[in-house]
Each structure stands twice: as structure tokens, then as C-alpha cells.
mmCIF file of all heavy atoms, coordinates in Angstrom:
data_MODEL
# 
_entry.id   MODEL 
# 
loop_
_atom_site.group_PDB 
_atom_site.id 
_atom_site.type_symbol 
_atom_site.label_atom_id 
_atom_site.label_alt_id 
_atom_site.label_comp_id 
_atom_site.label_asym_id 
_atom_site.label_entity_id 
_atom_site.label_seq_id 
_atom_site.pdbx_PDB_ins_code 
_atom_site.Cartn_x 
_atom_site.Cartn_y 
_atom_site.Cartn_z 
_atom_site.occupancy 
_atom_site.B_iso_or_equiv 
_atom_site.pdbx_formal_charge 
_atom_site.auth_seq_id 
_atom_site.auth_comp_id 
_atom_site.auth_asym_id 
_atom_site.auth_atom_id 
_atom_site.pdbx_PDB_model_num 
ATOM 1   N N   . SER A 1 1  ? 0.826  -1.216 0.000   1.00 0.00 ? 1  SER A N   1 
ATOM 2   C CA  . SER A 1 1  ? 0.000  0.000  0.000   1.00 0.00 ? 1  SER A CA  1 
ATOM 3   C C   . SER A 1 1  ? 0.857  1.261  0.000   1.00 0.00 ? 1  SER A C   1 
ATOM 4   O O   . SER A 1 1  ? 0.553  2.232  -0.695  1.00 0.00 ? 1  SER A O   1 
ATOM 5   C CB  . SER A 1 1  ? -0.949 0.000  1.203   1.00 0.00 ? 1  SER A CB  1 
ATOM 6   O OG  . SER A 1 1  ? -0.245 0.172  2.425   1.00 0.00 ? 1  SER A OG  1 
ATOM 7   N N   . ILE A 1 2  ? 1.952  1.258  0.771   1.00 0.00 ? 2  ILE A N   1 
ATOM 8   C CA  . ILE A 1 2  ? 2.842  2.425  0.794   1.00 0.00 ? 2  ILE A CA  1 
ATOM 9   C C   . ILE A 1 2  ? 3.476  2.627  -0.577  1.00 0.00 ? 2  ILE A C   1 
ATOM 10  O O   . ILE A 1 2  ? 3.539  3.748  -1.098  1.00 0.00 ? 2  ILE A O   1 
ATOM 11  C CB  . ILE A 1 2  ? 3.938  2.238  1.871   1.00 0.00 ? 2  ILE A CB  1 
ATOM 12  C CG1 . ILE A 1 2  ? 3.320  2.324  3.271   1.00 0.00 ? 2  ILE A CG1 1 
ATOM 13  C CG2 . ILE A 1 2  ? 5.024  3.307  1.718   1.00 0.00 ? 2  ILE A CG2 1 
ATOM 14  C CD1 . ILE A 1 2  ? 4.298  2.037  4.391   1.00 0.00 ? 2  ILE A CD1 1 
ATOM 15  N N   . ASN A 1 3  ? 3.933  1.549  -1.185  1.00 0.00 ? 3  ASN A N   1 
ATOM 16  C CA  . ASN A 1 3  ? 4.578  1.645  -2.492  1.00 0.00 ? 3  ASN A CA  1 
ATOM 17  C C   . ASN A 1 3  ? 3.623  2.183  -3.544  1.00 0.00 ? 3  ASN A C   1 
ATOM 18  O O   . ASN A 1 3  ? 3.973  3.087  -4.332  1.00 0.00 ? 3  ASN A O   1 
ATOM 19  C CB  . ASN A 1 3  ? 5.114  0.284  -2.910  1.00 0.00 ? 3  ASN A CB  1 
ATOM 20  C CG  . ASN A 1 3  ? 5.857  0.325  -4.225  1.00 0.00 ? 3  ASN A CG  1 
ATOM 21  O OD1 . ASN A 1 3  ? 6.797  1.103  -4.399  1.00 0.00 ? 3  ASN A OD1 1 
ATOM 22  N ND2 . ASN A 1 3  ? 5.450  -0.510 -5.169  1.00 0.00 ? 3  ASN A ND2 1 
ATOM 23  N N   . GLU A 1 4  ? 2.403  1.668  -3.564  1.00 0.00 ? 4  GLU A N   1 
ATOM 24  C CA  . GLU A 1 4  ? 1.443  2.066  -4.591  1.00 0.00 ? 4  GLU A CA  1 
ATOM 25  C C   . GLU A 1 4  ? 0.994  3.523  -4.429  1.00 0.00 ? 4  GLU A C   1 
ATOM 26  O O   . GLU A 1 4  ? 0.804  4.223  -5.426  1.00 0.00 ? 4  GLU A O   1 
ATOM 27  C CB  . GLU A 1 4  ? 0.230  1.132  -4.570  1.00 0.00 ? 4  GLU A CB  1 
ATOM 28  C CG  . GLU A 1 4  ? 0.542  -0.275 -5.063  1.00 0.00 ? 4  GLU A CG  1 
ATOM 29  C CD  . GLU A 1 4  ? -0.707 -1.135 -5.173  1.00 0.00 ? 4  GLU A CD  1 
ATOM 30  O OE1 . GLU A 1 4  ? -1.825 -0.574 -5.092  1.00 0.00 ? 4  GLU A OE1 1 
ATOM 31  O OE2 . GLU A 1 4  ? -0.567 -2.355 -5.354  1.00 0.00 ? 4  GLU A OE2 1 
ATOM 32  N N   . PHE A 1 5  ? 0.833  3.972  -3.199  1.00 0.00 ? 5  PHE A N   1 
ATOM 33  C CA  . PHE A 1 5  ? 0.313  5.334  -3.004  1.00 0.00 ? 5  PHE A CA  1 
ATOM 34  C C   . PHE A 1 5  ? 1.418  6.387  -2.973  1.00 0.00 ? 5  PHE A C   1 
ATOM 35  O O   . PHE A 1 5  ? 1.282  7.452  -3.590  1.00 0.00 ? 5  PHE A O   1 
ATOM 36  C CB  . PHE A 1 5  ? -0.493 5.416  -1.701  1.00 0.00 ? 5  PHE A CB  1 
ATOM 37  C CG  . PHE A 1 5  ? -1.064 6.777  -1.454  1.00 0.00 ? 5  PHE A CG  1 
ATOM 38  C CD1 . PHE A 1 5  ? -2.213 7.196  -2.112  1.00 0.00 ? 5  PHE A CD1 1 
ATOM 39  C CD2 . PHE A 1 5  ? -0.459 7.663  -0.569  1.00 0.00 ? 5  PHE A CD2 1 
ATOM 40  C CE1 . PHE A 1 5  ? -2.739 8.471  -1.896  1.00 0.00 ? 5  PHE A CE1 1 
ATOM 41  C CE2 . PHE A 1 5  ? -0.973 8.927  -0.343  1.00 0.00 ? 5  PHE A CE2 1 
ATOM 42  C CZ  . PHE A 1 5  ? -2.127 9.333  -1.012  1.00 0.00 ? 5  PHE A CZ  1 
ATOM 43  N N   . PHE A 1 6  ? 2.501  6.139  -2.259  1.00 0.00 ? 6  PHE A N   1 
ATOM 44  C CA  . PHE A 1 6  ? 3.497  7.179  -2.018  1.00 0.00 ? 6  PHE A CA  1 
ATOM 45  C C   . PHE A 1 6  ? 4.615  7.232  -3.060  1.00 0.00 ? 6  PHE A C   1 
ATOM 46  O O   . PHE A 1 6  ? 5.282  8.259  -3.174  1.00 0.00 ? 6  PHE A O   1 
ATOM 47  C CB  . PHE A 1 6  ? 4.141  6.979  -0.637  1.00 0.00 ? 6  PHE A CB  1 
ATOM 48  C CG  . PHE A 1 6  ? 3.231  7.279  0.510   1.00 0.00 ? 6  PHE A CG  1 
ATOM 49  C CD1 . PHE A 1 6  ? 2.494  6.264  1.104   1.00 0.00 ? 6  PHE A CD1 1 
ATOM 50  C CD2 . PHE A 1 6  ? 3.107  8.566  1.013   1.00 0.00 ? 6  PHE A CD2 1 
ATOM 51  C CE1 . PHE A 1 6  ? 1.646  6.538  2.174   1.00 0.00 ? 6  PHE A CE1 1 
ATOM 52  C CE2 . PHE A 1 6  ? 2.277  8.843  2.077   1.00 0.00 ? 6  PHE A CE2 1 
ATOM 53  C CZ  . PHE A 1 6  ? 1.543  7.832  2.661   1.00 0.00 ? 6  PHE A CZ  1 
ATOM 54  N N   . CYS A 1 7  ? 4.832  6.153  -3.788  1.00 0.00 ? 7  CYS A N   1 
ATOM 55  C CA  . CYS A 1 7  ? 6.024  6.087  -4.626  1.00 0.00 ? 7  CYS A CA  1 
ATOM 56  C C   . CYS A 1 7  ? 5.795  6.388  -6.098  1.00 0.00 ? 7  CYS A C   1 
ATOM 57  O O   . CYS A 1 7  ? 6.745  6.373  -6.880  1.00 0.00 ? 7  CYS A O   1 
ATOM 58  C CB  . CYS A 1 7  ? 6.685  4.714  -4.476  1.00 0.00 ? 7  CYS A CB  1 
ATOM 59  S SG  . CYS A 1 7  ? 7.315  4.435  -2.802  1.00 0.00 ? 7  CYS A SG  1 
ATOM 60  N N   . ALA A 1 8  ? 4.555  6.663  -6.489  1.00 0.00 ? 8  ALA A N   1 
ATOM 61  C CA  . ALA A 1 8  ? 4.292  7.029  -7.879  1.00 0.00 ? 8  ALA A CA  1 
ATOM 62  C C   . ALA A 1 8  ? 4.988  8.348  -8.204  1.00 0.00 ? 8  ALA A C   1 
ATOM 63  O O   . ALA A 1 8  ? 4.798  9.355  -7.520  1.00 0.00 ? 8  ALA A O   1 
ATOM 64  C CB  . ALA A 1 8  ? 2.781  7.154  -8.108  1.00 0.00 ? 8  ALA A CB  1 
ATOM 65  N N   . GLU A 1 9  ? 5.819  8.329  -9.220  1.00 0.00 ? 9  GLU A N   1 
ATOM 66  C CA  . GLU A 1 9  ? 6.543  9.512  -9.702  1.00 0.00 ? 9  GLU A CA  1 
ATOM 67  C C   . GLU A 1 9  ? 7.529  10.076 -8.677  1.00 0.00 ? 9  GLU A C   1 
ATOM 68  O O   . GLU A 1 9  ? 8.004  11.202 -8.817  1.00 0.00 ? 9  GLU A O   1 
ATOM 69  C CB  . GLU A 1 9  ? 5.553  10.619 -10.120 1.00 0.00 ? 9  GLU A CB  1 
ATOM 70  C CG  . GLU A 1 9  ? 4.591  10.192 -11.210 1.00 0.00 ? 9  GLU A CG  1 
ATOM 71  C CD  . GLU A 1 9  ? 3.615  11.287 -11.573 1.00 0.00 ? 9  GLU A CD  1 
ATOM 72  O OE1 . GLU A 1 9  ? 3.767  12.408 -11.050 1.00 0.00 ? 9  GLU A OE1 1 
ATOM 73  O OE2 . GLU A 1 9  ? 2.715  11.026 -12.383 1.00 0.00 ? 9  GLU A OE2 1 
ATOM 74  N N   . ARG A 1 10 ? 7.861  9.297  -7.662  1.00 0.00 ? 10 ARG A N   1 
ATOM 75  C CA  . ARG A 1 10 ? 8.862  9.756  -6.692  1.00 0.00 ? 10 ARG A CA  1 
ATOM 76  C C   . ARG A 1 10 ? 10.257 9.563  -7.293  1.00 0.00 ? 10 ARG A C   1 
ATOM 77  O O   . ARG A 1 10 ? 10.581 8.518  -7.830  1.00 0.00 ? 10 ARG A O   1 
ATOM 78  C CB  . ARG A 1 10 ? 8.731  8.946  -5.390  1.00 0.00 ? 10 ARG A CB  1 
ATOM 79  C CG  . ARG A 1 10 ? 9.661  9.414  -4.272  1.00 0.00 ? 10 ARG A CG  1 
ATOM 80  C CD  . ARG A 1 10 ? 9.433  8.591  -3.019  1.00 0.00 ? 10 ARG A CD  1 
ATOM 81  N NE  . ARG A 1 10 ? 8.174  8.927  -2.372  1.00 0.00 ? 10 ARG A NE  1 
ATOM 82  C CZ  . ARG A 1 10 ? 8.051  9.859  -1.434  1.00 0.00 ? 10 ARG A CZ  1 
ATOM 83  N NH1 . ARG A 1 10 ? 9.112  10.543 -1.033  1.00 0.00 ? 10 ARG A NH1 1 
ATOM 84  N NH2 . ARG A 1 10 ? 6.877  10.107 -0.900  1.00 0.00 ? 10 ARG A NH2 1 
ATOM 85  N N   . LYS A 1 11 ? 11.091 10.586 -7.163  1.00 0.00 ? 11 LYS A N   1 
ATOM 86  C CA  . LYS A 1 11 ? 12.416 10.564 -7.784  1.00 0.00 ? 11 LYS A CA  1 
ATOM 87  C C   . LYS A 1 11 ? 13.461 9.847  -6.936  1.00 0.00 ? 11 LYS A C   1 
ATOM 88  O O   . LYS A 1 11 ? 14.481 9.395  -7.456  1.00 0.00 ? 11 LYS A O   1 
ATOM 89  C CB  . LYS A 1 11 ? 12.864 11.993 -8.081  1.00 0.00 ? 11 LYS A CB  1 
ATOM 90  C CG  . LYS A 1 11 ? 11.988 12.706 -9.110  1.00 0.00 ? 11 LYS A CG  1 
ATOM 91  C CD  . LYS A 1 11 ? 12.494 14.107 -9.390  1.00 0.00 ? 11 LYS A CD  1 
ATOM 92  C CE  . LYS A 1 11 ? 11.617 14.801 -10.426 1.00 0.00 ? 11 LYS A CE  1 
ATOM 93  N NZ  . LYS A 1 11 ? 12.095 16.177 -10.699 1.00 0.00 ? 11 LYS A NZ  1 
ATOM 94  N N   . SER A 1 12 ? 13.248 9.775  -5.646  1.00 0.00 ? 12 SER A N   1 
ATOM 95  C CA  . SER A 1 12 ? 14.195 9.102  -4.755  1.00 0.00 ? 12 SER A CA  1 
ATOM 96  C C   . SER A 1 12 ? 13.430 8.119  -3.878  1.00 0.00 ? 12 SER A C   1 
ATOM 97  O O   . SER A 1 12 ? 12.215 8.268  -3.662  1.00 0.00 ? 12 SER A O   1 
ATOM 98  C CB  . SER A 1 12 ? 14.947 10.117 -3.896  1.00 0.00 ? 12 SER A CB  1 
ATOM 99  O OG  . SER A 1 12 ? 14.052 10.894 -3.129  1.00 0.00 ? 12 SER A OG  1 
ATOM 100 N N   . PRO A 1 13 ? 14.080 7.100  -3.344  1.00 0.00 ? 13 PRO A N   1 
ATOM 101 C CA  . PRO A 1 13 ? 13.387 6.094  -2.526  1.00 0.00 ? 13 PRO A CA  1 
ATOM 102 C C   . PRO A 1 13 ? 12.735 6.703  -1.291  1.00 0.00 ? 13 PRO A C   1 
ATOM 103 O O   . PRO A 1 13 ? 13.275 7.638  -0.686  1.00 0.00 ? 13 PRO A O   1 
ATOM 104 C CB  . PRO A 1 13 ? 14.510 5.134  -2.118  1.00 0.00 ? 13 PRO A CB  1 
ATOM 105 C CG  . PRO A 1 13 ? 15.602 5.350  -3.113  1.00 0.00 ? 13 PRO A CG  1 
ATOM 106 C CD  . PRO A 1 13 ? 15.519 6.786  -3.500  1.00 0.00 ? 13 PRO A CD  1 
ATOM 107 N N   . LEU A 1 14 ? 11.580 6.179  -0.928  1.00 0.00 ? 14 LEU A N   1 
ATOM 108 C CA  . LEU A 1 14 ? 10.907 6.589  0.304   1.00 0.00 ? 14 LEU A CA  1 
ATOM 109 C C   . LEU A 1 14 ? 11.446 5.744  1.446   1.00 0.00 ? 14 LEU A C   1 
ATOM 110 O O   . LEU A 1 14 ? 11.411 4.512  1.391   1.00 0.00 ? 14 LEU A O   1 
ATOM 111 C CB  . LEU A 1 14 ? 9.396  6.400  0.178   1.00 0.00 ? 14 LEU A CB  1 
ATOM 112 C CG  . LEU A 1 14 ? 8.580  6.629  1.458   1.00 0.00 ? 14 LEU A CG  1 
ATOM 113 C CD1 . LEU A 1 14 ? 8.746  8.056  1.975   1.00 0.00 ? 14 LEU A CD1 1 
ATOM 114 C CD2 . LEU A 1 14 ? 7.108  6.303  1.226   1.00 0.00 ? 14 LEU A CD2 1 
ATOM 115 N N   . LYS A 1 15 ? 11.938 6.385  2.476   1.00 0.00 ? 15 LYS A N   1 
ATOM 116 C CA  . LYS A 1 15 ? 12.514 5.665  3.610   1.00 0.00 ? 15 LYS A CA  1 
ATOM 117 C C   . LYS A 1 15 ? 11.418 5.271  4.591   1.00 0.00 ? 15 LYS A C   1 
ATOM 118 O O   . LYS A 1 15 ? 10.537 6.070  4.903   1.00 0.00 ? 15 LYS A O   1 
ATOM 119 C CB  . LYS A 1 15 ? 13.577 6.521  4.298   1.00 0.00 ? 15 LYS A CB  1 
ATOM 120 C CG  . LYS A 1 15 ? 14.790 6.818  3.418   1.00 0.00 ? 15 LYS A CG  1 
ATOM 121 C CD  . LYS A 1 15 ? 15.770 7.704  4.125   1.00 0.00 ? 15 LYS A CD  1 
ATOM 122 C CE  . LYS A 1 15 ? 17.047 7.870  3.307   1.00 0.00 ? 15 LYS A CE  1 
ATOM 123 N NZ  . LYS A 1 15 ? 16.810 8.473  1.979   1.00 0.00 ? 15 LYS A NZ  1 
ATOM 124 N N   . ILE A 1 16 ? 11.488 4.041  5.075   1.00 0.00 ? 16 ILE A N   1 
ATOM 125 C CA  . ILE A 1 16 ? 10.523 3.549  6.053   1.00 0.00 ? 16 ILE A CA  1 
ATOM 126 C C   . ILE A 1 16 ? 11.256 2.760  7.136   1.00 0.00 ? 16 ILE A C   1 
ATOM 127 O O   . ILE A 1 16 ? 12.388 2.314  6.952   1.00 0.00 ? 16 ILE A O   1 
ATOM 128 C CB  . ILE A 1 16 ? 9.421  2.668  5.419   1.00 0.00 ? 16 ILE A CB  1 
ATOM 129 C CG1 . ILE A 1 16 ? 10.018 1.393  4.820   1.00 0.00 ? 16 ILE A CG1 1 
ATOM 130 C CG2 . ILE A 1 16 ? 8.649  3.447  4.364   1.00 0.00 ? 16 ILE A CG2 1 
ATOM 131 C CD1 . ILE A 1 16 ? 8.961  0.428  4.295   1.00 0.00 ? 16 ILE A CD1 1 
ATOM 132 N N   . GLY A 1 17 ? 10.596 2.589  8.262   1.00 0.00 ? 17 GLY A N   1 
ATOM 133 C CA  . GLY A 1 17 ? 11.150 1.806  9.360   1.00 0.00 ? 17 GLY A CA  1 
ATOM 134 C C   . GLY A 1 17 ? 10.061 1.509  10.366  1.00 0.00 ? 17 GLY A C   1 
ATOM 135 O O   . GLY A 1 17 ? 8.916  1.960  10.208  1.00 0.00 ? 17 GLY A O   1 
ATOM 136 N N   . SER A 1 18 ? 10.394 0.765  11.403  1.00 0.00 ? 18 SER A N   1 
ATOM 137 C CA  . SER A 1 18 ? 9.415  0.403  12.420  1.00 0.00 ? 18 SER A CA  1 
ATOM 138 C C   . SER A 1 18 ? 10.090 0.294  13.775  1.00 0.00 ? 18 SER A C   1 
ATOM 139 O O   . SER A 1 18 ? 11.082 -0.426 13.933  1.00 0.00 ? 18 SER A O   1 
ATOM 140 C CB  . SER A 1 18 ? 8.733  -0.923 12.074  1.00 0.00 ? 18 SER A CB  1 
ATOM 141 O OG  . SER A 1 18 ? 7.958  -1.385 13.159  1.00 0.00 ? 18 SER A OG  1 
ATOM 142 N N   . VAL A 1 19 ? 9.535  0.993  14.762  1.00 0.00 ? 19 VAL A N   1 
ATOM 143 C CA  . VAL A 1 19 ? 10.094 0.952  16.117  1.00 0.00 ? 19 VAL A CA  1 
ATOM 144 C C   . VAL A 1 19 ? 9.975  -0.442 16.735  1.00 0.00 ? 19 VAL A C   1 
ATOM 145 O O   . VAL A 1 19 ? 10.663 -0.767 17.699  1.00 0.00 ? 19 VAL A O   1 
ATOM 146 C CB  . VAL A 1 19 ? 9.402  2.009  17.006  1.00 0.00 ? 19 VAL A CB  1 
ATOM 147 C CG1 . VAL A 1 19 ? 7.980  1.563  17.361  1.00 0.00 ? 19 VAL A CG1 1 
ATOM 148 C CG2 . VAL A 1 19 ? 10.209 2.279  18.275  1.00 0.00 ? 19 VAL A CG2 1 
ATOM 149 N N   . LYS A 1 20 ? 9.142  -1.283 16.160  1.00 0.00 ? 20 LYS A N   1 
ATOM 150 C CA  . LYS A 1 20 ? 8.966  -2.642 16.695  1.00 0.00 ? 20 LYS A CA  1 
ATOM 151 C C   . LYS A 1 20 ? 10.229 -3.478 16.547  1.00 0.00 ? 20 LYS A C   1 
ATOM 152 O O   . LYS A 1 20 ? 10.415 -4.459 17.263  1.00 0.00 ? 20 LYS A O   1 
ATOM 153 C CB  . LYS A 1 20 ? 7.768  -3.300 16.017  1.00 0.00 ? 20 LYS A CB  1 
ATOM 154 C CG  . LYS A 1 20 ? 6.462  -2.586 16.320  1.00 0.00 ? 20 LYS A CG  1 
ATOM 155 C CD  . LYS A 1 20 ? 5.318  -3.069 15.471  1.00 0.00 ? 20 LYS A CD  1 
ATOM 156 C CE  . LYS A 1 20 ? 4.074  -2.220 15.715  1.00 0.00 ? 20 LYS A CE  1 
ATOM 157 N NZ  . LYS A 1 20 ? 4.242  -0.813 15.318  1.00 0.00 ? 20 LYS A NZ  1 
ATOM 158 N N   . SER A 1 21 ? 11.093 -3.098 15.612  1.00 0.00 ? 21 SER A N   1 
ATOM 159 C CA  . SER A 1 21 ? 12.371 -3.816 15.499  1.00 0.00 ? 21 SER A CA  1 
ATOM 160 C C   . SER A 1 21 ? 13.283 -3.481 16.671  1.00 0.00 ? 21 SER A C   1 
ATOM 161 O O   . SER A 1 21 ? 14.175 -4.250 17.011  1.00 0.00 ? 21 SER A O   1 
ATOM 162 C CB  . SER A 1 21 ? 13.065 -3.458 14.180  1.00 0.00 ? 21 SER A CB  1 
ATOM 163 O OG  . SER A 1 21 ? 13.598 -2.147 14.219  1.00 0.00 ? 21 SER A OG  1 
ATOM 164 N N   . ASN A 1 22 ? 13.058 -2.324 17.286  1.00 0.00 ? 22 ASN A N   1 
ATOM 165 C CA  . ASN A 1 22 ? 13.910 -1.865 18.389  1.00 0.00 ? 22 ASN A CA  1 
ATOM 166 C C   . ASN A 1 22 ? 13.399 -2.305 19.760  1.00 0.00 ? 22 ASN A C   1 
ATOM 167 O O   . ASN A 1 22 ? 14.185 -2.587 20.660  1.00 0.00 ? 22 ASN A O   1 
ATOM 168 C CB  . ASN A 1 22 ? 14.016 -0.334 18.379  1.00 0.00 ? 22 ASN A CB  1 
ATOM 169 C CG  . ASN A 1 22 ? 14.434 0.217  17.029  1.00 0.00 ? 22 ASN A CG  1 
ATOM 170 O OD1 . ASN A 1 22 ? 13.589 0.553  16.221  1.00 0.00 ? 22 ASN A OD1 1 
ATOM 171 N ND2 . ASN A 1 22 ? 15.729 0.303  16.782  1.00 0.00 ? 22 ASN A ND2 1 
ATOM 172 N N   . MET A 1 23 ? 12.073 -2.336 19.918  1.00 0.00 ? 23 MET A N   1 
ATOM 173 C CA  . MET A 1 23 ? 11.512 -2.582 21.252  1.00 0.00 ? 23 MET A CA  1 
ATOM 174 C C   . MET A 1 23 ? 10.465 -3.678 21.288  1.00 0.00 ? 23 MET A C   1 
ATOM 175 O O   . MET A 1 23 ? 9.967  -4.019 22.359  1.00 0.00 ? 23 MET A O   1 
ATOM 176 C CB  . MET A 1 23 ? 10.882 -1.290 21.794  1.00 0.00 ? 23 MET A CB  1 
ATOM 177 C CG  . MET A 1 23 ? 9.754  -0.734 20.937  1.00 0.00 ? 23 MET A CG  1 
ATOM 178 S SD  . MET A 1 23 ? 8.807  0.581  21.729  1.00 0.00 ? 23 MET A SD  1 
ATOM 179 C CE  . MET A 1 23 ? 7.796  -0.379 22.858  1.00 0.00 ? 23 MET A CE  1 
ATOM 180 N N   . GLY A 1 24 ? 10.116 -4.253 20.153  1.00 0.00 ? 24 GLY A N   1 
ATOM 181 C CA  . GLY A 1 24 ? 9.015  -5.203 20.122  1.00 0.00 ? 24 GLY A CA  1 
ATOM 182 C C   . GLY A 1 24 ? 7.710  -4.480 19.852  1.00 0.00 ? 24 GLY A C   1 
ATOM 183 O O   . GLY A 1 24 ? 7.661  -3.259 19.686  1.00 0.00 ? 24 GLY A O   1 
ATOM 184 N N   . HIS A 1 25 ? 6.630  -5.244 19.829  1.00 0.00 ? 25 HIS A N   1 
ATOM 185 C CA  . HIS A 1 25 ? 5.308  -4.706 19.488  1.00 0.00 ? 25 HIS A CA  1 
ATOM 186 C C   . HIS A 1 25 ? 4.512  -4.464 20.760  1.00 0.00 ? 25 HIS A C   1 
ATOM 187 O O   . HIS A 1 25 ? 4.143  -5.394 21.476  1.00 0.00 ? 25 HIS A O   1 
ATOM 188 C CB  . HIS A 1 25 ? 4.592  -5.701 18.582  1.00 0.00 ? 25 HIS A CB  1 
ATOM 189 C CG  . HIS A 1 25 ? 3.296  -5.207 18.022  1.00 0.00 ? 25 HIS A CG  1 
ATOM 190 N ND1 . HIS A 1 25 ? 2.856  -3.908 18.170  1.00 0.00 ? 25 HIS A ND1 1 
ATOM 191 C CD2 . HIS A 1 25 ? 2.334  -5.845 17.286  1.00 0.00 ? 25 HIS A CD2 1 
ATOM 192 C CE1 . HIS A 1 25 ? 1.694  -3.756 17.571  1.00 0.00 ? 25 HIS A CE1 1 
ATOM 193 N NE2 . HIS A 1 25 ? 1.360  -4.925 17.023  1.00 0.00 ? 25 HIS A NE2 1 
ATOM 194 N N   . SER A 1 26 ? 4.250  -3.205 21.054  1.00 0.00 ? 26 SER A N   1 
ATOM 195 C CA  . SER A 1 26 ? 3.482  -2.854 22.253  1.00 0.00 ? 26 SER A CA  1 
ATOM 196 C C   . SER A 1 26 ? 1.983  -2.829 21.987  1.00 0.00 ? 26 SER A C   1 
ATOM 197 O O   . SER A 1 26 ? 1.216  -2.267 22.782  1.00 0.00 ? 26 SER A O   1 
ATOM 198 C CB  . SER A 1 26 ? 3.946  -1.502 22.804  1.00 0.00 ? 26 SER A CB  1 
ATOM 199 O OG  . SER A 1 26 ? 3.847  -0.501 21.811  1.00 0.00 ? 26 SER A OG  1 
# 
């Protein structure tokens, strides 16, 4: 969903991440 909506005609990669990798899922 992020790729389809945010990345159309984007000239540089969209950076993403998740705090769950750092602390787990609260």
C-alpha cells in the first residue's frame, strides 16, 4: 500500500522503518 500510493513519480526512494524492530510490538 505504501509503495502504490506514495512512490508514484517519486524521484528518490521513500525511507521507512518500524520501532517494533527496536523494542518489540506494544
